[in-house]
Structure formats: structure tokens, C-alpha cells
Amino acid sequence: IDINKTNFLIENTDILKYTPKEIDYKIIANIPYYITSPIITRFLYEIKNKPKEMIILMQKEVWERICEIWKTNKKKSSVLSILVQKKSKAFLLYDVKKVDFYPQPKVDSVVVWFKTHNDFEKIDDKKFSLFIKKAFLSPRKKLINNLVSWWFNKCFLEKIFKNMWFDLKIRPQDLDINNYIDLFVKI
């Protein structure tokens, strides 16, 4: 970044109520860890003029939920990971150990780069977001049962699952963004 050629705007406001006036902008922030998910979903879903990119210092555990890496090294999706992937690509830039801070926090951090995209822009954000939240209503339950408990007909879902080659016992965390987009469109 060439500081002499870059416009910076520092806003002292509630981030969850802030709506940027700029059209072509990027966010670089160290955010409060306890509201990471609301901040990310606000800028990816709730405001009209989305940032082109976000570089955020965040808690490492939240990053692990977003990028689907768990201690078992088995990839598993979450509400947050699916919602982030619908609107952006996320990349780990740096690990930041807790010993690098003073006073030292109890958790490690990471710097993450979110590059927004429009790959799934034809999919309604509000409906898709609600669909994903219902799909993960009880993450340990079978996906089909979560969807039936919402308002879908079980026979209808079984037919769709079979046509998509999904096991009827599949759990919400076992599908990726492309699976969820396909399922959403078919339903």
C-alpha cells in the first residue's frame, strides 16, 4: 500500500449500525472477537454496497469454523462457513499468537482476507440465509429431519436427495457451498 496514494477513512461508530457511503472500498480492521460473525454477515449480507475486500484480525477458532478445518482435519461446514463462501473467498494471511499481544489474551488470532465475489448473485440472500440457518437448526440431526421440521415435505425431500445422490442420513455439516446452492435451487 502506498500511503501517499491511498484514501483512509477512520469511522468512530458502532460497526453493526454503520453503512459505508463509499462504493468501491475495502475494510481493514481489528474487530471485537465476540461480534465477529455479526460483523462479517453485516458486510456480506445486510448492506447494499458490499466491500471489495476485507482484511480482518479475528479469533483463530472463528477462522477454523469459516474455513471448515477442525482438529480431526475432516472438513465440516457450518452456518458461518456456508454464508461466507456464498459471498466471498477467504484466505488466511497470518497466524498471530496470543503472546504477541500485551496484555496477553486467552486465544490465538489470525489475519484473514475476504475477497468478495458475485458467483451466486442470482440466489436470493435472505431466503438462502434462512434456508442455511434452518438446515443447521440441529447440527447433529440428519439434514432431511432439520428441513422437515421447518416446513418441507419429507417425501419431496427424499426424492430430491436421491436425485442429487445424497445419503438420506447426511448431516448438515457434510455438504459444501455448491451442494447447498444446488439443494436450495431444487427445493
Protein backbone atom coordinates (compact mmCIF):
# COMPACT_ATOMS: atom_id res chain seq x y z
CA ILE A 1 0.00 0.00 0.00
CA ASP A 2 1.36 3.40 -0.95
CA ILE A 3 0.13 5.60 1.90
CA ASN A 4 0.52 8.74 -0.23
CA LYS A 5 -1.86 7.38 -2.86
CA THR A 6 -4.44 5.81 -0.54
CA ASN A 7 -7.50 7.43 0.98
CA PHE A 8 -8.19 6.33 4.52
CA LEU A 9 -11.40 6.92 6.37
CA ILE A 10 -11.48 6.11 10.06
CA GLU A 11 -15.00 5.94 11.45
CA ASN A 12 -15.67 6.08 15.17
CA THR A 13 -19.10 4.46 15.20
CA ASP A 14 -20.98 1.29 16.04
CA ILE A 15 -19.84 -1.16 13.36
CA LEU A 16 -23.12 -3.07 13.46
CA LYS A 17 -25.05 0.10 12.59
CA TYR A 18 -22.54 1.59 10.16
CA THR A 19 -23.37 1.76 6.46
CA PRO A 20 -20.47 2.92 4.27
CA LYS A 21 -21.18 5.73 1.83
CA GLU A 22 -18.31 4.71 -0.42
CA ILE A 23 -18.96 2.43 -3.38
CA ASP A 24 -15.53 1.00 -4.10
CA TYR A 25 -13.95 0.37 -0.71
CA LYS A 26 -12.03 -2.14 1.40
CA ILE A 27 -12.17 -2.80 5.12
CA ILE A 28 -9.08 -3.34 7.24
CA ALA A 29 -9.98 -3.94 10.87
CA ASN A 30 -9.16 -5.41 14.22
CA ILE A 31 -12.66 -6.27 15.38
CA PRO A 32 -14.14 -7.24 18.76
CA TYR A 33 -13.94 -11.03 18.79
CA TYR A 34 -17.32 -11.54 20.44
CA ILE A 35 -19.16 -9.99 17.46
CA THR A 36 -17.08 -11.40 14.59
CA SER A 37 -19.93 -13.34 12.98
CA PRO A 38 -22.41 -10.43 13.09
CA ILE A 39 -19.80 -8.07 11.59
CA ILE A 40 -18.94 -10.45 8.75
CA THR A 41 -22.58 -11.19 7.93
CA ARG A 42 -23.46 -7.47 8.12
CA PHE A 43 -20.90 -6.52 5.49
CA LEU A 44 -21.53 -9.52 3.26
CA TYR A 45 -25.34 -9.64 3.50
CA GLU A 46 -27.03 -6.68 5.15
CA ILE A 47 -25.67 -3.63 3.38
CA LYS A 48 -26.14 -2.84 -0.31
CA ASN A 49 -22.67 -1.60 -1.17
CA LYS A 50 -20.50 -4.51 -0.12
CA PRO A 51 -16.75 -4.06 0.32
CA LYS A 52 -14.47 -5.37 -2.43
CA GLU A 53 -12.26 -6.89 0.23
CA MET A 54 -11.96 -7.19 4.00
CA ILE A 55 -8.78 -7.86 5.92
CA ILE A 56 -9.71 -8.72 9.47
CA LEU A 57 -7.82 -9.72 12.61
CA MET A 58 -10.06 -12.32 14.23
CA GLN A 59 -10.08 -15.16 16.71
CA LYS A 60 -8.47 -18.29 15.27
CA GLU A 61 -11.39 -20.52 16.30
CA VAL A 62 -13.81 -18.44 14.22
CA TRP A 63 -11.49 -18.73 11.22
CA GLU A 64 -11.46 -22.50 11.68
CA ARG A 65 -15.26 -22.53 11.51
CA ILE A 66 -15.18 -20.43 8.36
CA CYS A 67 -12.55 -22.45 6.54
CA GLU A 68 -14.01 -25.75 7.74
CA ILE A 69 -10.80 -27.09 9.32
CA TRP A 70 -11.33 -28.94 12.57
CA LYS A 71 -8.99 -30.73 14.94
CA THR A 72 -9.73 -34.02 13.19
CA ASN A 73 -8.69 -32.43 9.85
CA LYS A 74 -12.05 -33.53 8.48
CA LYS A 75 -13.78 -30.75 6.60
CA LYS A 76 -17.14 -29.77 8.05
CA SER A 77 -19.39 -26.91 7.12
CA SER A 78 -21.11 -24.50 9.47
CA VAL A 79 -23.70 -21.78 9.02
CA LEU A 80 -20.92 -19.20 9.00
CA SER A 81 -18.71 -21.09 6.55
CA ILE A 82 -21.54 -21.54 4.05
CA LEU A 83 -22.69 -17.92 4.32
CA VAL A 84 -19.15 -16.61 3.90
CA GLN A 85 -18.49 -18.85 0.90
CA LYS A 86 -21.66 -17.68 -0.85
CA LYS A 87 -20.36 -14.10 -0.90
CA SER A 88 -16.55 -14.33 -0.70
CA LYS A 89 -13.36 -16.34 -0.83
CA ALA A 90 -11.49 -16.29 2.47
CA PHE A 91 -7.73 -16.73 2.78
CA LEU A 92 -5.51 -16.99 5.84
CA LEU A 93 -2.76 -14.36 5.70
CA TYR A 94 -1.06 -14.67 9.09
CA ASP A 95 -1.21 -16.53 12.37
CA VAL A 96 -0.96 -14.19 15.36
CA LYS A 97 -0.08 -15.90 18.63
CA LYS A 98 -1.58 -14.69 21.88
CA VAL A 99 1.95 -14.00 23.19
CA ASP A 100 2.25 -11.29 20.51
CA PHE A 101 -0.23 -9.10 22.43
CA TYR A 102 0.04 -7.15 25.64
CA PRO A 103 -1.91 -7.76 27.72
CA GLN A 104 -2.00 -11.33 26.52
CA PRO A 105 -5.46 -12.66 25.57
CA LYS A 106 -6.54 -16.25 26.16
CA VAL A 107 -6.88 -17.08 22.44
CA ASP A 108 -4.75 -17.07 19.30
CA SER A 109 -5.68 -14.86 16.37
CA VAL A 110 -5.35 -14.80 12.60
CA VAL A 111 -5.43 -12.19 9.87
CA VAL A 112 -7.93 -13.21 7.19
CA TRP A 113 -8.51 -11.76 3.73
CA PHE A 114 -12.08 -11.91 2.40
CA LYS A 115 -12.31 -11.21 -1.33
CA THR A 116 -15.96 -10.71 -2.22
CA HIS A 117 -17.49 -12.20 -5.37
CA ASN A 118 -20.82 -12.44 -7.17
CA ASP A 119 -20.64 -16.12 -8.10
CA PHE A 120 -24.07 -16.86 -6.63
CA GLU A 121 -25.74 -13.47 -7.08
CA LYS A 122 -28.87 -14.99 -8.64
CA ILE A 123 -29.60 -16.79 -5.35
CA ASP A 124 -31.69 -14.60 -3.03
CA ASP A 125 -29.54 -13.76 0.01
CA LYS A 126 -32.34 -13.54 2.58
CA LYS A 127 -34.03 -16.77 1.54
CA PHE A 128 -30.73 -18.62 1.26
CA SER A 129 -29.55 -17.37 4.65
CA LEU A 130 -32.80 -18.51 6.27
CA PHE A 131 -32.55 -21.86 4.47
CA ILE A 132 -28.99 -22.43 5.77
CA LYS A 133 -29.94 -21.49 9.32
CA LYS A 134 -32.83 -23.98 9.19
CA ALA A 135 -30.59 -26.66 7.66
CA PHE A 136 -28.24 -26.30 10.65
CA LEU A 137 -31.03 -25.98 13.22
CA SER A 138 -29.79 -29.13 14.97
CA PRO A 139 -26.33 -29.82 13.50
CA ARG A 140 -26.17 -33.38 14.84
CA LYS A 141 -29.53 -34.31 13.33
CA LYS A 142 -29.92 -35.54 9.80
CA LEU A 143 -30.25 -32.68 7.33
CA ILE A 144 -33.52 -34.04 5.99
CA ASN A 145 -35.05 -34.01 9.50
CA ASN A 146 -33.99 -30.39 10.05
CA LEU A 147 -35.65 -29.39 6.80
CA VAL A 148 -38.81 -31.43 7.52
CA SER A 149 -39.12 -29.83 10.97
CA TRP A 150 -39.17 -26.47 9.25
CA TRP A 151 -41.92 -26.97 6.66
CA PHE A 152 -40.73 -29.22 3.86
CA ASN A 153 -42.50 -32.44 2.92
CA LYS A 154 -40.36 -35.49 3.73
CA CYS A 155 -41.30 -37.47 0.58
CA PHE A 156 -40.49 -34.45 -1.57
CA LEU A 157 -37.09 -34.05 0.14
CA GLU A 158 -36.29 -37.76 -0.11
CA LYS A 159 -36.89 -37.60 -3.86
CA ILE A 160 -34.62 -34.56 -4.23
CA PHE A 161 -31.91 -36.13 -2.05
CA LYS A 162 -31.97 -39.33 -4.12
CA ASN A 163 -31.82 -37.37 -7.39
CA MET A 164 -28.81 -35.48 -6.05
CA TRP A 165 -27.17 -38.70 -4.81
CA PHE A 166 -27.28 -37.52 -1.19
CA ASP A 167 -27.41 -40.13 1.52
CA LEU A 168 -30.65 -39.69 3.48
CA LYS A 169 -28.56 -39.84 6.68
CA ILE A 170 -26.34 -36.91 5.68
CA ARG A 171 -25.71 -34.28 8.37
CA PRO A 172 -25.77 -30.51 7.67
CA GLN A 173 -22.00 -30.18 8.10
CA ASP A 174 -21.31 -32.75 5.36
CA LEU A 175 -22.39 -30.55 2.43
CA ASP A 176 -20.34 -27.77 0.87
CA ILE A 177 -21.47 -24.46 -0.61
CA ASN A 178 -22.12 -25.94 -4.07
CA ASN A 179 -24.24 -28.74 -2.61
CA TYR A 180 -26.28 -26.21 -0.64
CA ILE A 181 -26.77 -23.94 -3.64
CA ASP A 182 -27.96 -26.91 -5.73
CA LEU A 183 -30.26 -28.15 -2.97
CA PHE A 184 -31.70 -24.66 -2.42
CA VAL A 185 -32.42 -24.25 -6.14
CA LYS A 186 -34.09 -27.66 -6.40
CA ILE A 187 -36.26 -27.10 -3.33
